[in-house]
Amino acid sequence: MGCPTSDPKSKPVLVRLGADDANTLSSYIKLTGVTRAEAIRRGIRKLTDDLPTATH
């Protein structure tokens, strides 16, 4: 499964998106040139700011 890495991605996630969210994701991918998976990872990382300090 892919190249060796120090940060393996072993947790698959299936998400159903509405049209607006899918369009936003598509626009982001086209603008930045990243993969869909990387764009989603970046979005998840931004959620860290919303978590209470003790949980991350």
PDB file of N, CA and C in Angstrom:
ATOM      1  N   MET A   1       0.829  -1.188   0.000  1.00  0.00           N
ATOM      2  CA  MET A   1       0.000   0.000   0.000  1.00  0.00           C
ATOM      3  C   MET A   1       0.868   1.244   0.000  1.00  0.00           C
ATOM      4  N   GLY A   2       1.329   1.738  -1.103  1.00  0.00           N
ATOM      5  CA  GLY A   2       2.077   2.981  -1.186  1.00  0.00           C
ATOM      6  C   GLY A   2       3.517   2.857  -0.720  1.00  0.00           C
ATOM      7  N   CYS A   3       4.172   3.977  -0.712  1.00  0.00           N
ATOM      8  CA  CYS A   3       5.584   4.045  -0.320  1.00  0.00           C
ATOM      9  C   CYS A   3       5.721   4.009   1.198  1.00  0.00           C
ATOM     10  N   PRO A   4       6.873   3.527   1.694  1.00  0.00           N
ATOM     11  CA  PRO A   4       7.119   3.566   3.144  1.00  0.00           C
ATOM     12  C   PRO A   4       7.113   5.021   3.633  1.00  0.00           C
ATOM     13  N   THR A   5       6.571   5.238   4.820  1.00  0.00           N
ATOM     14  CA  THR A   5       6.475   6.581   5.363  1.00  0.00           C
ATOM     15  C   THR A   5       6.544   6.539   6.884  1.00  0.00           C
ATOM     16  N   SER A   6       6.905   7.650   7.479  1.00  0.00           N
ATOM     17  CA  SER A   6       6.915   7.744   8.938  1.00  0.00           C
ATOM     18  C   SER A   6       5.527   8.094   9.469  1.00  0.00           C
ATOM     19  N   ASP A   7       4.583   8.387   8.569  1.00  0.00           N
ATOM     20  CA  ASP A   7       3.218   8.734   8.955  1.00  0.00           C
ATOM     21  C   ASP A   7       2.236   7.935   8.093  1.00  0.00           C
ATOM     22  N   PRO A   8       2.111   6.615   8.345  1.00  0.00           N
ATOM     23  CA  PRO A   8       1.241   5.793   7.513  1.00  0.00           C
ATOM     24  C   PRO A   8      -0.228   6.206   7.622  1.00  0.00           C
ATOM     25  N   LYS A   9      -0.922   6.135   6.514  1.00  0.00           N
ATOM     26  CA  LYS A   9      -2.353   6.480   6.461  1.00  0.00           C
ATOM     27  C   LYS A   9      -3.146   5.180   6.384  1.00  0.00           C
ATOM     28  N   SER A  10      -3.476   4.596   7.530  1.00  0.00           N
ATOM     29  CA  SER A  10      -4.102   3.281   7.550  1.00  0.00           C
ATOM     30  C   SER A  10      -5.578   3.300   7.942  1.00  0.00           C
ATOM     31  N   LYS A  11      -6.169   4.474   8.110  1.00  0.00           N
ATOM     32  CA  LYS A  11      -7.565   4.586   8.539  1.00  0.00           C
ATOM     33  C   LYS A  11      -8.418   5.151   7.401  1.00  0.00           C
ATOM     34  N   PRO A  12      -9.056   4.284   6.606  1.00  0.00           N
ATOM     35  CA  PRO A  12      -9.898   4.793   5.524  1.00  0.00           C
ATOM     36  C   PRO A  12     -11.181   5.422   6.063  1.00  0.00           C
ATOM     37  N   VAL A  13     -11.675   6.444   5.358  1.00  0.00           N
ATOM     38  CA  VAL A  13     -12.897   7.144   5.745  1.00  0.00           C
ATOM     39  C   VAL A  13     -13.743   7.356   4.493  1.00  0.00           C
ATOM     40  N   LEU A  14     -15.012   7.031   4.573  1.00  0.00           N
ATOM     41  CA  LEU A  14     -15.944   7.277   3.478  1.00  0.00           C
ATOM     42  C   LEU A  14     -16.889   8.377   3.923  1.00  0.00           C
ATOM     43  N   VAL A  15     -17.013   9.419   3.107  1.00  0.00           N
ATOM     44  CA  VAL A  15     -17.853  10.557   3.455  1.00  0.00           C
ATOM     45  C   VAL A  15     -18.758  10.888   2.277  1.00  0.00           C
ATOM     46  N   ARG A  16     -20.019  11.100   2.546  1.00  0.00           N
ATOM     47  CA  ARG A  16     -20.949  11.567   1.518  1.00  0.00           C
ATOM     48  C   ARG A  16     -21.043  13.079   1.638  1.00  0.00           C
ATOM     49  N   LEU A  17     -20.834  13.779   0.521  1.00  0.00           N
ATOM     50  CA  LEU A  17     -20.863  15.232   0.518  1.00  0.00           C
ATOM     51  C   LEU A  17     -22.057  15.738  -0.269  1.00  0.00           C
ATOM     52  N   GLY A  18     -22.593  16.847   0.182  1.00  0.00           N
ATOM     53  CA  GLY A  18     -23.617  17.539  -0.593  1.00  0.00           C
ATOM     54  C   GLY A  18     -22.946  18.275  -1.744  1.00  0.00           C
ATOM     55  N   ALA A  19     -23.737  18.777  -2.662  1.00  0.00           N
ATOM     56  CA  ALA A  19     -23.204  19.449  -3.843  1.00  0.00           C
ATOM     57  C   ALA A  19     -22.327  20.643  -3.485  1.00  0.00           C
ATOM     58  N   ASP A  20     -22.743  21.453  -2.531  1.00  0.00           N
ATOM     59  CA  ASP A  20     -21.964  22.637  -2.156  1.00  0.00           C
ATOM     60  C   ASP A  20     -20.589  22.253  -1.603  1.00  0.00           C
ATOM     61  N   ASP A  21     -20.565  21.269  -0.706  1.00  0.00           N
ATOM     62  CA  ASP A  21     -19.289  20.837  -0.137  1.00  0.00           C
ATOM     63  C   ASP A  21     -18.402  20.192  -1.201  1.00  0.00           C
ATOM     64  N   ALA A  22     -18.993  19.404  -2.082  1.00  0.00           N
ATOM     65  CA  ALA A  22     -18.226  18.765  -3.153  1.00  0.00           C
ATOM     66  C   ALA A  22     -17.636  19.814  -4.091  1.00  0.00           C
ATOM     67  N   ASN A  23     -18.396  20.856  -4.393  1.00  0.00           N
ATOM     68  CA  ASN A  23     -17.899  21.933  -5.254  1.00  0.00           C
ATOM     69  C   ASN A  23     -16.766  22.701  -4.574  1.00  0.00           C
ATOM     70  N   THR A  24     -16.908  22.947  -3.277  1.00  0.00           N
ATOM     71  CA  THR A  24     -15.856  23.629  -2.525  1.00  0.00           C
ATOM     72  C   THR A  24     -14.580  22.796  -2.535  1.00  0.00           C
ATOM     73  N   LEU A  25     -14.707  21.509  -2.294  1.00  0.00           N
ATOM     74  CA  LEU A  25     -13.546  20.614  -2.302  1.00  0.00           C
ATOM     75  C   LEU A  25     -12.900  20.597  -3.680  1.00  0.00           C
ATOM     76  N   SER A  26     -13.701  20.489  -4.713  1.00  0.00           N
ATOM     77  CA  SER A  26     -13.184  20.473  -6.083  1.00  0.00           C
ATOM     78  C   SER A  26     -12.455  21.773  -6.418  1.00  0.00           C
ATOM     79  N   SER A  27     -13.018  22.881  -6.022  1.00  0.00           N
ATOM     80  CA  SER A  27     -12.386  24.185  -6.272  1.00  0.00           C
ATOM     81  C   SER A  27     -11.050  24.294  -5.551  1.00  0.00           C
ATOM     82  N   TYR A  28     -11.015  23.823  -4.306  1.00  0.00           N
ATOM     83  CA  TYR A  28      -9.776  23.865  -3.523  1.00  0.00           C
ATOM     84  C   TYR A  28      -8.701  23.012  -4.190  1.00  0.00           C
ATOM     85  N   ILE A  29      -9.083  21.832  -4.643  1.00  0.00           N
ATOM     86  CA  ILE A  29      -8.138  20.926  -5.301  1.00  0.00           C
ATOM     87  C   ILE A  29      -7.571  21.559  -6.567  1.00  0.00           C
ATOM     88  N   LYS A  30      -8.432  22.167  -7.360  1.00  0.00           N
ATOM     89  CA  LYS A  30      -7.978  22.816  -8.601  1.00  0.00           C
ATOM     90  C   LYS A  30      -7.061  23.996  -8.300  1.00  0.00           C
ATOM     91  N   LEU A  31      -7.394  24.760  -7.278  1.00  0.00           N
ATOM     92  CA  LEU A  31      -6.615  25.947  -6.930  1.00  0.00           C
ATOM     93  C   LEU A  31      -5.242  25.601  -6.372  1.00  0.00           C
ATOM     94  N   THR A  32      -5.183  24.565  -5.522  1.00  0.00           N
ATOM     95  CA  THR A  32      -3.935  24.242  -4.831  1.00  0.00           C
ATOM     96  C   THR A  32      -3.124  23.147  -5.517  1.00  0.00           C
ATOM     97  N   GLY A  33      -3.788  22.300  -6.297  1.00  0.00           N
ATOM     98  CA  GLY A  33      -3.094  21.205  -6.961  1.00  0.00           C
ATOM     99  C   GLY A  33      -2.809  20.013  -6.054  1.00  0.00           C
ATOM    100  N   VAL A  34      -3.412  19.978  -4.874  1.00  0.00           N
ATOM    101  CA  VAL A  34      -3.223  18.838  -3.977  1.00  0.00           C
ATOM    102  C   VAL A  34      -4.245  17.754  -4.311  1.00  0.00           C
ATOM    103  N   THR A  35      -4.015  16.564  -3.784  1.00  0.00           N
ATOM    104  CA  THR A  35      -4.968  15.484  -3.989  1.00  0.00           C
ATOM    105  C   THR A  35      -6.205  15.703  -3.125  1.00  0.00           C
ATOM    106  N   ARG A  36      -7.260  14.980  -3.460  1.00  0.00           N
ATOM    107  CA  ARG A  36      -8.489  15.064  -2.664  1.00  0.00           C
ATOM    108  C   ARG A  36      -8.202  14.632  -1.226  1.00  0.00           C
ATOM    109  N   ALA A  37      -7.442  13.553  -1.061  1.00  0.00           N
ATOM    110  CA  ALA A  37      -7.122  13.073   0.283  1.00  0.00           C
ATOM    111  C   ALA A  37      -6.358  14.127   1.081  1.00  0.00           C
ATOM    112  N   GLU A  38      -5.371  14.778   0.452  1.00  0.00           N
ATOM    113  CA  GLU A  38      -4.593  15.807   1.157  1.00  0.00           C
ATOM    114  C   GLU A  38      -5.464  17.002   1.505  1.00  0.00           C
ATOM    115  N   ALA A  39      -6.368  17.383   0.623  1.00  0.00           N
ATOM    116  CA  ALA A  39      -7.270  18.504   0.913  1.00  0.00           C
ATOM    117  C   ALA A  39      -8.144  18.186   2.125  1.00  0.00           C
ATOM    118  N   ILE A  40      -8.646  16.963   2.195  1.00  0.00           N
ATOM    119  CA  ILE A  40      -9.470  16.557   3.334  1.00  0.00           C
ATOM    120  C   ILE A  40      -8.635  16.521   4.601  1.00  0.00           C
ATOM    121  N   ARG A  41      -7.399  15.995   4.527  1.00  0.00           N
ATOM    122  CA  ARG A  41      -6.515  16.001   5.710  1.00  0.00           C
ATOM    123  C   ARG A  41      -6.282  17.422   6.207  1.00  0.00           C
ATOM    124  N   ARG A  42      -6.065  18.347   5.286  1.00  0.00           N
ATOM    125  CA  ARG A  42      -5.850  19.749   5.686  1.00  0.00           C
ATOM    126  C   ARG A  42      -7.070  20.309   6.398  1.00  0.00           C
ATOM    127  N   GLY A  43      -8.247  19.971   5.910  1.00  0.00           N
ATOM    128  CA  GLY A  43      -9.475  20.427   6.562  1.00  0.00           C
ATOM    129  C   GLY A  43      -9.608  19.850   7.966  1.00  0.00           C
ATOM    130  N   ILE A  44      -9.285  18.588   8.113  1.00  0.00           N
ATOM    131  CA  ILE A  44      -9.352  17.945   9.433  1.00  0.00           C
ATOM    132  C   ILE A  44      -8.360  18.602  10.383  1.00  0.00           C
ATOM    133  N   ARG A  45      -7.151  18.883   9.899  1.00  0.00           N
ATOM    134  CA  ARG A  45      -6.151  19.541  10.759  1.00  0.00           C
ATOM    135  C   ARG A  45      -6.626  20.911  11.230  1.00  0.00           C
ATOM    136  N   LYS A  46      -7.383  21.613  10.408  1.00  0.00           N
ATOM    137  CA  LYS A  46      -7.896  22.923  10.822  1.00  0.00           C
ATOM    138  C   LYS A  46      -8.876  22.793  11.979  1.00  0.00           C
ATOM    139  N   LEU A  47      -9.508  21.645  12.136  1.00  0.00           N
ATOM    140  CA  LEU A  47     -10.433  21.428  13.245  1.00  0.00           C
ATOM    141  C   LEU A  47      -9.712  21.419  14.592  1.00  0.00           C
ATOM    142  N   THR A  48      -8.426  21.193  14.590  1.00  0.00           N
ATOM    143  CA  THR A  48      -7.640  21.178  15.831  1.00  0.00           C
ATOM    144  C   THR A  48      -7.822  22.481  16.601  1.00  0.00           C
ATOM    145  N   ASP A  49      -7.947  23.590  15.900  1.00  0.00           N
ATOM    146  CA  ASP A  49      -8.114  24.889  16.557  1.00  0.00           C
ATOM    147  C   ASP A  49      -9.418  24.970  17.353  1.00  0.00           C
ATOM    148  N   ASP A  50     -10.408  24.164  16.971  1.00  0.00           N
ATOM    149  CA  ASP A  50     -11.707  24.183  17.671  1.00  0.00           C
ATOM    150  C   ASP A  50     -11.748  23.291  18.902  1.00  0.00           C
ATOM    151  N   LEU A  51     -10.721  22.439  19.072  1.00  0.00           N
ATOM    152  CA  LEU A  51     -10.703  21.513  20.193  1.00  0.00           C
ATOM    153  C   LEU A  51     -10.176  22.181  21.450  1.00  0.00           C
ATOM    154  N   PRO A  52     -10.697  21.773  22.599  1.00  0.00           N
ATOM    155  CA  PRO A  52     -10.112  22.271  23.850  1.00  0.00           C
ATOM    156  C   PRO A  52      -8.645  21.859  23.920  1.00  0.00           C
ATOM    157  N   THR A  53      -7.812  22.665  24.506  1.00  0.00           N
ATOM    158  CA  THR A  53      -6.364  22.456  24.533  1.00  0.00           C
ATOM    159  C   THR A  53      -5.986  21.093  25.100  1.00  0.00           C
ATOM    160  N   ALA A  54      -6.671  20.598  26.085  1.00  0.00           N
ATOM    161  CA  ALA A  54      -6.300  19.347  26.741  1.00  0.00           C
ATOM    162  C   ALA A  54      -6.468  18.132  25.829  1.00  0.00           C
ATOM    163  N   THR A  55      -7.227  18.219  24.735  1.00  0.00           N
ATOM    164  CA  THR A  55      -7.493  17.043  23.916  1.00  0.00           C
ATOM    165  C   THR A  55      -6.546  16.891  22.750  1.00  0.00           C
ATOM    166  N   HIS A  56      -5.679  17.850  22.482  1.00  0.00           N
ATOM    167  CA  HIS A  56      -4.719  17.687  21.378  1.00  0.00           C
ATOM    168  C   HIS A  56      -3.368  18.036  21.815  1.00  0.00           C
TER     169      HIS A  56
END
